[in-house]
Amino acid sequence: SLEWPLDGPFWQSRTPDPTEIDLPFLSCANWGGMG
């Protein structure tokens, strides 16, 4: 993470694109999970 302080290919290759997710899902969030 220290080697890559800006967003770019390193991070994008490890981050799914939610606009490409089209199967059924139940997303469960926590009001206190910030961070």
PDB file of all heavy atoms in Angstrom:
ATOM      1  N   SER A   1       0.826  -1.205   0.000  1.00  0.00           N
ATOM      2  CA  SER A   1       0.000   0.000   0.000  1.00  0.00           C
ATOM      3  C   SER A   1       0.861   1.256   0.000  1.00  0.00           C
ATOM      4  O   SER A   1       0.543   2.244  -0.681  1.00  0.00           O
ATOM      5  CB  SER A   1      -0.922   0.007   1.235  1.00  0.00           C
ATOM      6  OG  SER A   1      -1.752  -1.124   1.263  1.00  0.00           O
ATOM      7  N   LEU A   2       1.952   1.229   0.739  1.00  0.00           N
ATOM      8  CA  LEU A   2       2.853   2.377   0.775  1.00  0.00           C
ATOM      9  C   LEU A   2       3.522   2.622  -0.577  1.00  0.00           C
ATOM     10  O   LEU A   2       3.843   3.751  -0.936  1.00  0.00           O
ATOM     11  CB  LEU A   2       3.911   2.174   1.858  1.00  0.00           C
ATOM     12  CG  LEU A   2       3.442   2.443   3.289  1.00  0.00           C
ATOM     13  CD1 LEU A   2       4.358   1.767   4.295  1.00  0.00           C
ATOM     14  CD2 LEU A   2       3.377   3.947   3.551  1.00  0.00           C
ATOM     15  N   GLU A   3       3.712   1.551  -1.332  1.00  0.00           N
ATOM     16  CA  GLU A   3       4.324   1.677  -2.654  1.00  0.00           C
ATOM     17  C   GLU A   3       3.359   2.295  -3.665  1.00  0.00           C
ATOM     18  O   GLU A   3       3.798   2.833  -4.688  1.00  0.00           O
ATOM     19  CB  GLU A   3       4.767   0.305  -3.160  1.00  0.00           C
ATOM     20  CG  GLU A   3       5.889  -0.339  -2.360  1.00  0.00           C
ATOM     21  CD  GLU A   3       6.184  -1.746  -2.854  1.00  0.00           C
ATOM     22  OE1 GLU A   3       5.801  -2.060  -4.011  1.00  0.00           O
ATOM     23  OE2 GLU A   3       6.777  -2.524  -2.089  1.00  0.00           O
ATOM     24  N   TRP A   4       2.058   2.201  -3.407  1.00  0.00           N
ATOM     25  CA  TRP A   4       1.049   2.654  -4.356  1.00  0.00           C
ATOM     26  C   TRP A   4       0.094   3.626  -3.659  1.00  0.00           C
ATOM     27  O   TRP A   4      -1.063   3.291  -3.382  1.00  0.00           O
ATOM     28  CB  TRP A   4       0.286   1.464  -4.938  1.00  0.00           C
ATOM     29  CG  TRP A   4       1.172   0.450  -5.590  1.00  0.00           C
ATOM     30  CD1 TRP A   4       1.629  -0.727  -5.070  1.00  0.00           C
ATOM     31  CD2 TRP A   4       1.748   0.550  -6.903  1.00  0.00           C
ATOM     32  NE1 TRP A   4       2.436  -1.368  -5.964  1.00  0.00           N
ATOM     33  CE2 TRP A   4       2.532  -0.614  -7.113  1.00  0.00           C
ATOM     34  CE3 TRP A   4       1.664   1.496  -7.941  1.00  0.00           C
ATOM     35  CZ2 TRP A   4       3.226  -0.839  -8.291  1.00  0.00           C
ATOM     36  CZ3 TRP A   4       2.354   1.263  -9.102  1.00  0.00           C
ATOM     37  CH2 TRP A   4       3.116   0.120  -9.282  1.00  0.00           C
ATOM     38  N   PRO A   5       0.521   4.876  -3.383  1.00  0.00           N
ATOM     39  CA  PRO A   5      -0.327   5.819  -2.643  1.00  0.00           C
ATOM     40  C   PRO A   5      -1.469   6.415  -3.458  1.00  0.00           C
ATOM     41  O   PRO A   5      -2.356   7.052  -2.886  1.00  0.00           O
ATOM     42  CB  PRO A   5       0.661   6.905  -2.224  1.00  0.00           C
ATOM     43  CG  PRO A   5       1.733   6.861  -3.272  1.00  0.00           C
ATOM     44  CD  PRO A   5       1.865   5.415  -3.641  1.00  0.00           C
ATOM     45  N   LEU A   6      -1.428   6.213  -4.791  1.00  0.00           N
ATOM     46  CA  LEU A   6      -2.505   6.717  -5.638  1.00  0.00           C
ATOM     47  C   LEU A   6      -3.251   5.544  -6.267  1.00  0.00           C
ATOM     48  O   LEU A   6      -2.696   4.459  -6.460  1.00  0.00           O
ATOM     49  CB  LEU A   6      -1.943   7.615  -6.743  1.00  0.00           C
ATOM     50  CG  LEU A   6      -1.233   8.890  -6.289  1.00  0.00           C
ATOM     51  CD1 LEU A   6      -0.641   9.619  -7.492  1.00  0.00           C
ATOM     52  CD2 LEU A   6      -2.170   9.813  -5.520  1.00  0.00           C
ATOM     53  N   ASP A   7      -4.512   5.791  -6.599  1.00  0.00           N
ATOM     54  CA  ASP A   7      -5.290   4.757  -7.273  1.00  0.00           C
ATOM     55  C   ASP A   7      -4.721   4.534  -8.674  1.00  0.00           C
ATOM     56  O   ASP A   7      -4.191   5.447  -9.305  1.00  0.00           O
ATOM     57  CB  ASP A   7      -6.757   5.183  -7.363  1.00  0.00           C
ATOM     58  CG  ASP A   7      -7.680   4.023  -7.698  1.00  0.00           C
ATOM     59  OD1 ASP A   7      -7.207   2.865  -7.689  1.00  0.00           O
ATOM     60  OD2 ASP A   7      -8.861   4.277  -7.965  1.00  0.00           O
ATOM     61  N   GLY A   8      -4.829   3.297  -9.139  1.00  0.00           N
ATOM     62  CA  GLY A   8      -4.271   2.959 -10.437  1.00  0.00           C
ATOM     63  C   GLY A   8      -4.363   1.467 -10.672  1.00  0.00           C
ATOM     64  O   GLY A   8      -5.122   0.761  -9.992  1.00  0.00           O
ATOM     65  N   PRO A   9      -3.589   0.931 -11.622  1.00  0.00           N
ATOM     66  CA  PRO A   9      -3.708  -0.490 -11.997  1.00  0.00           C
ATOM     67  C   PRO A   9      -3.552  -1.465 -10.833  1.00  0.00           C
ATOM     68  O   PRO A   9      -4.248  -2.485 -10.784  1.00  0.00           O
ATOM     69  CB  PRO A   9      -2.590  -0.659 -13.037  1.00  0.00           C
ATOM     70  CG  PRO A   9      -2.418   0.700 -13.633  1.00  0.00           C
ATOM     71  CD  PRO A   9      -2.664   1.664 -12.511  1.00  0.00           C
ATOM     72  N   PHE A  10      -2.622  -1.186  -9.889  1.00  0.00           N
ATOM     73  CA  PHE A  10      -2.442  -2.108  -8.770  1.00  0.00           C
ATOM     74  C   PHE A  10      -3.757  -2.293  -8.018  1.00  0.00           C
ATOM     75  O   PHE A  10      -4.165  -3.426  -7.732  1.00  0.00           O
ATOM     76  CB  PHE A  10      -1.358  -1.598  -7.818  1.00  0.00           C
ATOM     77  CG  PHE A  10      -1.194  -2.434  -6.575  1.00  0.00           C
ATOM     78  CD1 PHE A  10      -0.389  -3.559  -6.587  1.00  0.00           C
ATOM     79  CD2 PHE A  10      -1.864  -2.109  -5.400  1.00  0.00           C
ATOM     80  CE1 PHE A  10      -0.252  -4.352  -5.448  1.00  0.00           C
ATOM     81  CE2 PHE A  10      -1.737  -2.892  -4.261  1.00  0.00           C
ATOM     82  CZ  PHE A  10      -0.918  -4.010  -4.281  1.00  0.00           C
ATOM     83  N   TRP A  11      -4.410  -1.205  -7.688  1.00  0.00           N
ATOM     84  CA  TRP A  11      -5.654  -1.272  -6.911  1.00  0.00           C
ATOM     85  C   TRP A  11      -6.819  -1.734  -7.764  1.00  0.00           C
ATOM     86  O   TRP A  11      -7.676  -2.504  -7.303  1.00  0.00           O
ATOM     87  CB  TRP A  11      -5.944   0.097  -6.304  1.00  0.00           C
ATOM     88  CG  TRP A  11      -4.865   0.560  -5.382  1.00  0.00           C
ATOM     89  CD1 TRP A  11      -3.922   1.518  -5.628  1.00  0.00           C
ATOM     90  CD2 TRP A  11      -4.582   0.059  -4.071  1.00  0.00           C
ATOM     91  NE1 TRP A  11      -3.072   1.660  -4.558  1.00  0.00           N
ATOM     92  CE2 TRP A  11      -3.461   0.773  -3.591  1.00  0.00           C
ATOM     93  CE3 TRP A  11      -5.159  -0.909  -3.264  1.00  0.00           C
ATOM     94  CZ2 TRP A  11      -2.914   0.534  -2.328  1.00  0.00           C
ATOM     95  CZ3 TRP A  11      -4.620  -1.146  -2.003  1.00  0.00           C
ATOM     96  CH2 TRP A  11      -3.512  -0.433  -1.553  1.00  0.00           C
ATOM     97  N   GLN A  12      -6.885  -1.264  -8.981  1.00  0.00           N
ATOM     98  CA  GLN A  12      -8.018  -1.612  -9.840  1.00  0.00           C
ATOM     99  C   GLN A  12      -8.046  -3.105 -10.166  1.00  0.00           C
ATOM    100  O   GLN A  12      -9.119  -3.682 -10.336  1.00  0.00           O
ATOM    101  CB  GLN A  12      -7.967  -0.760 -11.098  1.00  0.00           C
ATOM    102  CG  GLN A  12      -8.251   0.713 -10.806  1.00  0.00           C
ATOM    103  CD  GLN A  12      -7.788   1.658 -11.897  1.00  0.00           C
ATOM    104  OE1 GLN A  12      -7.428   1.233 -12.999  1.00  0.00           O
ATOM    105  NE2 GLN A  12      -7.775   2.949 -11.600  1.00  0.00           N
ATOM    106  N   SER A  13      -6.867  -3.739 -10.232  1.00  0.00           N
ATOM    107  CA  SER A  13      -6.828  -5.176 -10.492  1.00  0.00           C
ATOM    108  C   SER A  13      -7.312  -5.987  -9.293  1.00  0.00           C
ATOM    109  O   SER A  13      -7.570  -7.185  -9.416  1.00  0.00           O
ATOM    110  CB  SER A  13      -5.407  -5.608 -10.858  1.00  0.00           C
ATOM    111  OG  SER A  13      -4.524  -5.515  -9.742  1.00  0.00           O
ATOM    112  N   ARG A  14      -7.426  -5.337  -8.162  1.00  0.00           N
ATOM    113  CA  ARG A  14      -7.869  -5.981  -6.928  1.00  0.00           C
ATOM    114  C   ARG A  14      -9.245  -5.517  -6.488  1.00  0.00           C
ATOM    115  O   ARG A  14      -9.683  -5.825  -5.376  1.00  0.00           O
ATOM    116  CB  ARG A  14      -6.837  -5.717  -5.815  1.00  0.00           C
ATOM    117  CG  ARG A  14      -5.521  -6.444  -6.046  1.00  0.00           C
ATOM    118  CD  ARG A  14      -4.370  -5.808  -5.288  1.00  0.00           C
ATOM    119  NE  ARG A  14      -3.182  -6.652  -5.350  1.00  0.00           N
ATOM    120  CZ  ARG A  14      -2.367  -6.740  -6.400  1.00  0.00           C
ATOM    121  NH1 ARG A  14      -2.623  -6.028  -7.491  1.00  0.00           N
ATOM    122  NH2 ARG A  14      -1.313  -7.533  -6.373  1.00  0.00           N
ATOM    123  N   THR A  15      -9.920  -4.748  -7.343  1.00  0.00           N
ATOM    124  CA  THR A  15     -11.214  -4.171  -7.010  1.00  0.00           C
ATOM    125  C   THR A  15     -12.244  -4.561  -8.054  1.00  0.00           C
ATOM    126  O   THR A  15     -12.095  -4.216  -9.233  1.00  0.00           O
ATOM    127  CB  THR A  15     -11.113  -2.635  -6.934  1.00  0.00           C
ATOM    128  OG1 THR A  15     -10.235  -2.272  -5.858  1.00  0.00           O
ATOM    129  CG2 THR A  15     -12.480  -2.004  -6.703  1.00  0.00           C
ATOM    130  N   PRO A  16     -13.291  -5.288  -7.664  1.00  0.00           N
ATOM    131  CA  PRO A  16     -14.332  -5.623  -8.635  1.00  0.00           C
ATOM    132  C   PRO A  16     -15.133  -4.391  -9.040  1.00  0.00           C
ATOM    133  O   PRO A  16     -15.227  -3.418  -8.282  1.00  0.00           O
ATOM    134  CB  PRO A  16     -15.200  -6.637  -7.889  1.00  0.00           C
ATOM    135  CG  PRO A  16     -14.993  -6.323  -6.449  1.00  0.00           C
ATOM    136  CD  PRO A  16     -13.566  -5.846  -6.331  1.00  0.00           C
ATOM    137  N   ASP A  17     -15.699  -4.443 -10.216  1.00  0.00           N
ATOM    138  CA  ASP A  17     -16.533  -3.353 -10.716  1.00  0.00           C
ATOM    139  C   ASP A  17     -17.991  -3.706 -10.439  1.00  0.00           C
ATOM    140  O   ASP A  17     -18.543  -4.621 -11.060  1.00  0.00           O
ATOM    141  CB  ASP A  17     -16.300  -3.189 -12.218  1.00  0.00           C
ATOM    142  CG  ASP A  17     -17.132  -2.064 -12.820  1.00  0.00           C
ATOM    143  OD1 ASP A  17     -17.968  -1.475 -12.101  1.00  0.00           O
ATOM    144  OD2 ASP A  17     -16.962  -1.782 -14.023  1.00  0.00           O
ATOM    145  N   PRO A  18     -18.645  -3.003  -9.513  1.00  0.00           N
ATOM    146  CA  PRO A  18     -20.036  -3.374  -9.178  1.00  0.00           C
ATOM    147  C   PRO A  18     -20.995  -3.224 -10.351  1.00  0.00           C
ATOM    148  O   PRO A  18     -22.046  -3.866 -10.367  1.00  0.00           O
ATOM    149  CB  PRO A  18     -20.393  -2.436  -8.026  1.00  0.00           C
ATOM    150  CG  PRO A  18     -19.394  -1.330  -8.074  1.00  0.00           C
ATOM    151  CD  PRO A  18     -18.154  -1.899  -8.670  1.00  0.00           C
ATOM    152  N   THR A  19     -20.638  -2.404 -11.354  1.00  0.00           N
ATOM    153  CA  THR A  19     -21.529  -2.274 -12.506  1.00  0.00           C
ATOM    154  C   THR A  19     -21.517  -3.528 -13.372  1.00  0.00           C
ATOM    155  O   THR A  19     -22.338  -3.667 -14.282  1.00  0.00           O
ATOM    156  CB  THR A  19     -21.149  -1.057 -13.369  1.00  0.00           C
ATOM    157  OG1 THR A  19     -19.859  -1.269 -13.959  1.00  0.00           O
ATOM    158  CG2 THR A  19     -21.122   0.215 -12.541  1.00  0.00           C
ATOM    159  N   GLU A  20     -20.596  -4.464 -13.067  1.00  0.00           N
ATOM    160  CA  GLU A  20     -20.524  -5.731 -13.789  1.00  0.00           C
ATOM    161  C   GLU A  20     -21.137  -6.885 -12.996  1.00  0.00           C
ATOM    162  O   GLU A  20     -21.089  -8.036 -13.431  1.00  0.00           O
ATOM    163  CB  GLU A  20     -19.071  -6.067 -14.126  1.00  0.00           C
ATOM    164  CG  GLU A  20     -18.405  -5.076 -15.078  1.00  0.00           C
ATOM    165  CD  GLU A  20     -19.049  -5.088 -16.458  1.00  0.00           C
ATOM    166  OE1 GLU A  20     -19.436  -6.186 -16.919  1.00  0.00           O
ATOM    167  OE2 GLU A  20     -19.175  -4.005 -17.062  1.00  0.00           O
ATOM    168  N   ILE A  21     -21.701  -6.582 -11.829  1.00  0.00           N
ATOM    169  CA  ILE A  21     -22.288  -7.632 -10.988  1.00  0.00           C
ATOM    170  C   ILE A  21     -23.791  -7.676 -11.239  1.00  0.00           C
ATOM    171  O   ILE A  21     -24.517  -6.741 -10.875  1.00  0.00           O
ATOM    172  CB  ILE A  21     -21.989  -7.366  -9.497  1.00  0.00           C
ATOM    173  CG1 ILE A  21     -20.470  -7.416  -9.243  1.00  0.00           C
ATOM    174  CG2 ILE A  21     -22.726  -8.366  -8.611  1.00  0.00           C
ATOM    175  CD1 ILE A  21     -20.058  -7.027  -7.843  1.00  0.00           C
ATOM    176  N   ASP A  22     -24.242  -8.753 -11.871  1.00  0.00           N
ATOM    177  CA  ASP A  22     -25.664  -8.818 -12.218  1.00  0.00           C
ATOM    178  C   ASP A  22     -26.347 -10.084 -11.723  1.00  0.00           C
ATOM    179  O   ASP A  22     -27.451 -10.401 -12.144  1.00  0.00           O
ATOM    180  CB  ASP A  22     -25.844  -8.686 -13.730  1.00  0.00           C
ATOM    181  CG  ASP A  22     -25.191  -9.822 -14.508  1.00  0.00           C
ATOM    182  OD1 ASP A  22     -24.553 -10.675 -13.874  1.00  0.00           O
ATOM    183  OD2 ASP A  22     -25.332  -9.847 -15.752  1.00  0.00           O
ATOM    184  N   LEU A  23     -25.698 -10.830 -10.811  1.00  0.00           N
ATOM    185  CA  LEU A  23     -26.376 -11.995 -10.240  1.00  0.00           C
ATOM    186  C   LEU A  23     -27.097 -11.597  -8.953  1.00  0.00           C
ATOM    187  O   LEU A  23     -26.890 -10.512  -8.413  1.00  0.00           O
ATOM    188  CB  LEU A  23     -25.391 -13.135 -10.017  1.00  0.00           C
ATOM    189  CG  LEU A  23     -24.090 -12.945  -9.223  1.00  0.00           C
ATOM    190  CD1 LEU A  23     -24.328 -12.587  -7.777  1.00  0.00           C
ATOM    191  CD2 LEU A  23     -23.261 -14.201  -9.320  1.00  0.00           C
ATOM    192  N   PRO A  24     -27.973 -12.448  -8.411  1.00  0.00           N
ATOM    193  CA  PRO A  24     -28.683 -12.123  -7.176  1.00  0.00           C
ATOM    194  C   PRO A  24     -27.731 -11.976  -5.991  1.00  0.00           C
ATOM    195  O   PRO A  24     -26.807 -12.780  -5.820  1.00  0.00           O
ATOM    196  CB  PRO A  24     -29.615 -13.321  -6.974  1.00  0.00           C
ATOM    197  CG  PRO A  24     -29.778 -13.915  -8.331  1.00  0.00           C
ATOM    198  CD  PRO A  24     -28.463 -13.715  -9.009  1.00  0.00           C
ATOM    199  N   PHE A  25     -27.953 -10.939  -5.191  1.00  0.00           N
ATOM    200  CA  PHE A  25     -27.148 -10.786  -3.982  1.00  0.00           C
ATOM    201  C   PHE A  25     -27.941 -10.088  -2.886  1.00  0.00           C
ATOM    202  O   PHE A  25     -28.879  -9.335  -3.158  1.00  0.00           O
ATOM    203  CB  PHE A  25     -25.832 -10.054  -4.257  1.00  0.00           C
ATOM    204  CG  PHE A  25     -25.952  -8.600  -4.646  1.00  0.00           C
ATOM    205  CD1 PHE A  25     -26.131  -7.595  -3.698  1.00  0.00           C
ATOM    206  CD2 PHE A  25     -25.847  -8.222  -5.978  1.00  0.00           C
ATOM    207  CE1 PHE A  25     -26.209  -6.257  -4.062  1.00  0.00           C
ATOM    208  CE2 PHE A  25     -25.924  -6.884  -6.363  1.00  0.00           C
ATOM    209  CZ  PHE A  25     -26.110  -5.897  -5.402  1.00  0.00           C
ATOM    210  N   LEU A  26     -27.519 -10.380  -1.671  1.00  0.00           N
ATOM    211  CA  LEU A  26     -28.019  -9.707  -0.467  1.00  0.00           C
ATOM    212  C   LEU A  26     -26.823  -9.047   0.184  1.00  0.00           C
ATOM    213  O   LEU A  26     -25.931  -9.722   0.694  1.00  0.00           O
ATOM    214  CB  LEU A  26     -28.672 -10.717   0.485  1.00  0.00           C
ATOM    215  CG  LEU A  26     -29.004 -10.228   1.896  1.00  0.00           C
ATOM    216  CD1 LEU A  26     -29.991  -9.072   1.864  1.00  0.00           C
ATOM    217  CD2 LEU A  26     -29.541 -11.382   2.749  1.00  0.00           C
ATOM    218  N   SER A  27     -26.786  -7.721   0.128  1.00  0.00           N
ATOM    219  CA  SER A  27     -25.668  -6.951   0.674  1.00  0.00           C
ATOM    220  C   SER A  27     -26.028  -6.492   2.080  1.00  0.00           C
ATOM    221  O   SER A  27     -26.994  -5.754   2.265  1.00  0.00           O
ATOM    222  CB  SER A  27     -25.377  -5.748  -0.231  1.00  0.00           C
ATOM    223  OG  SER A  27     -24.331  -4.958   0.292  1.00  0.00           O
ATOM    224  N   CYS A  28     -25.250  -6.932   3.078  1.00  0.00           N
ATOM    225  CA  CYS A  28     -25.569  -6.656   4.485  1.00  0.00           C
ATOM    226  C   CYS A  28     -24.519  -5.722   5.075  1.00  0.00           C
ATOM    227  O   CYS A  28     -23.343  -6.082   5.177  1.00  0.00           O
ATOM    228  CB  CYS A  28     -25.632  -7.958   5.272  1.00  0.00           C
ATOM    229  SG  CYS A  28     -26.878  -9.112   4.661  1.00  0.00           S
ATOM    230  N   ALA A  29     -24.942  -4.535   5.458  1.00  0.00           N
ATOM    231  CA  ALA A  29     -24.033  -3.498   5.965  1.00  0.00           C
ATOM    232  C   ALA A  29     -24.235  -3.280   7.457  1.00  0.00           C
ATOM    233  O   ALA A  29     -25.273  -3.635   8.019  1.00  0.00           O
ATOM    234  CB  ALA A  29     -24.262  -2.187   5.210  1.00  0.00           C
ATOM    235  N   ASN A  30     -23.231  -2.662   8.064  1.00  0.00           N
ATOM    236  CA  ASN A  30     -23.279  -2.312   9.490  1.00  0.00           C
ATOM    237  C   ASN A  30     -23.162  -0.804   9.618  1.00  0.00           C
ATOM    238  O   ASN A  30     -22.216  -0.201   9.109  1.00  0.00           O
ATOM    239  CB  ASN A  30     -22.121  -3.005  10.230  1.00  0.00           C
ATOM    240  CG  ASN A  30     -22.212  -2.868  11.743  1.00  0.00           C
ATOM    241  OD1 ASN A  30     -22.659  -1.856  12.274  1.00  0.00           O
ATOM    242  ND2 ASN A  30     -21.777  -3.895  12.455  1.00  0.00           N
ATOM    243  N   TRP A  31     -24.142  -0.185  10.308  1.00  0.00           N
ATOM    244  CA  TRP A  31     -24.090   1.268  10.507  1.00  0.00           C
ATOM    245  C   TRP A  31     -22.782   1.696  11.173  1.00  0.00           C
ATOM    246  O   TRP A  31     -22.311   2.812  10.955  1.00  0.00           O
ATOM    247  CB  TRP A  31     -25.237   1.732  11.390  1.00  0.00           C
ATOM    248  CG  TRP A  31     -26.622   1.548  10.870  1.00  0.00           C
ATOM    249  CD1 TRP A  31     -27.632   0.841  11.461  1.00  0.00           C
ATOM    250  CD2 TRP A  31     -27.200   2.094   9.666  1.00  0.00           C
ATOM    251  NE1 TRP A  31     -28.791   0.898  10.717  1.00  0.00           N
ATOM    252  CE2 TRP A  31     -28.558   1.668   9.612  1.00  0.00           C
ATOM    253  CE3 TRP A  31     -26.703   2.900   8.638  1.00  0.00           C
ATOM    254  CZ2 TRP A  31     -29.410   2.025   8.564  1.00  0.00           C
ATOM    255  CZ3 TRP A  31     -27.559   3.253   7.602  1.00  0.00           C
ATOM    256  CH2 TRP A  31     -28.885   2.825   7.564  1.00  0.00           C
ATOM    257  N   GLY A  32     -22.203   0.828  11.990  1.00  0.00           N
ATOM    258  CA  GLY A  32     -21.008   1.189  12.739  1.00  0.00           C
ATOM    259  C   GLY A  32     -19.723   0.628  12.178  1.00  0.00           C
ATOM    260  O   GLY A  32     -18.716   0.563  12.872  1.00  0.00           O
ATOM    261  N   GLY A  33     -19.736   0.205  10.910  1.00  0.00           N
ATOM    262  CA  GLY A  33     -18.554  -0.433  10.330  1.00  0.00           C
ATOM    263  C   GLY A  33     -17.616   0.501   9.612  1.00  0.00           C
ATOM    264  O   GLY A  33     -16.781   0.061   8.826  1.00  0.00           O
ATOM    265  N   MET A  34     -17.739   1.789   9.838  1.00  0.00           N
ATOM    266  CA  MET A  34     -16.993   2.782   9.084  1.00  0.00           C
ATOM    267  C   MET A  34     -15.491   2.496   9.099  1.00  0.00           C
ATOM    268  O   MET A  34     -14.936   2.027  10.083  1.00  0.00           O
ATOM    269  CB  MET A  34     -17.263   4.171   9.646  1.00  0.00           C
ATOM    270  CG  MET A  34     -16.898   4.365  11.097  1.00  0.00           C
ATOM    271  SD  MET A  34     -17.633   5.850  11.799  1.00  0.00           S
ATOM    272  CE  MET A  34     -19.335   5.385  11.965  1.00  0.00           C
ATOM    273  N   GLY A  35     -14.870   2.736   7.980  1.00  0.00           N
ATOM    274  CA  GLY A  35     -13.424   2.543   7.905  1.00  0.00           C
ATOM    275  C   GLY A  35     -13.012   1.323   7.132  1.00  0.00           C
ATOM    276  O   GLY A  35     -11.868   1.215   6.711  1.00  0.00           O
TER     277      GLY A  35
END
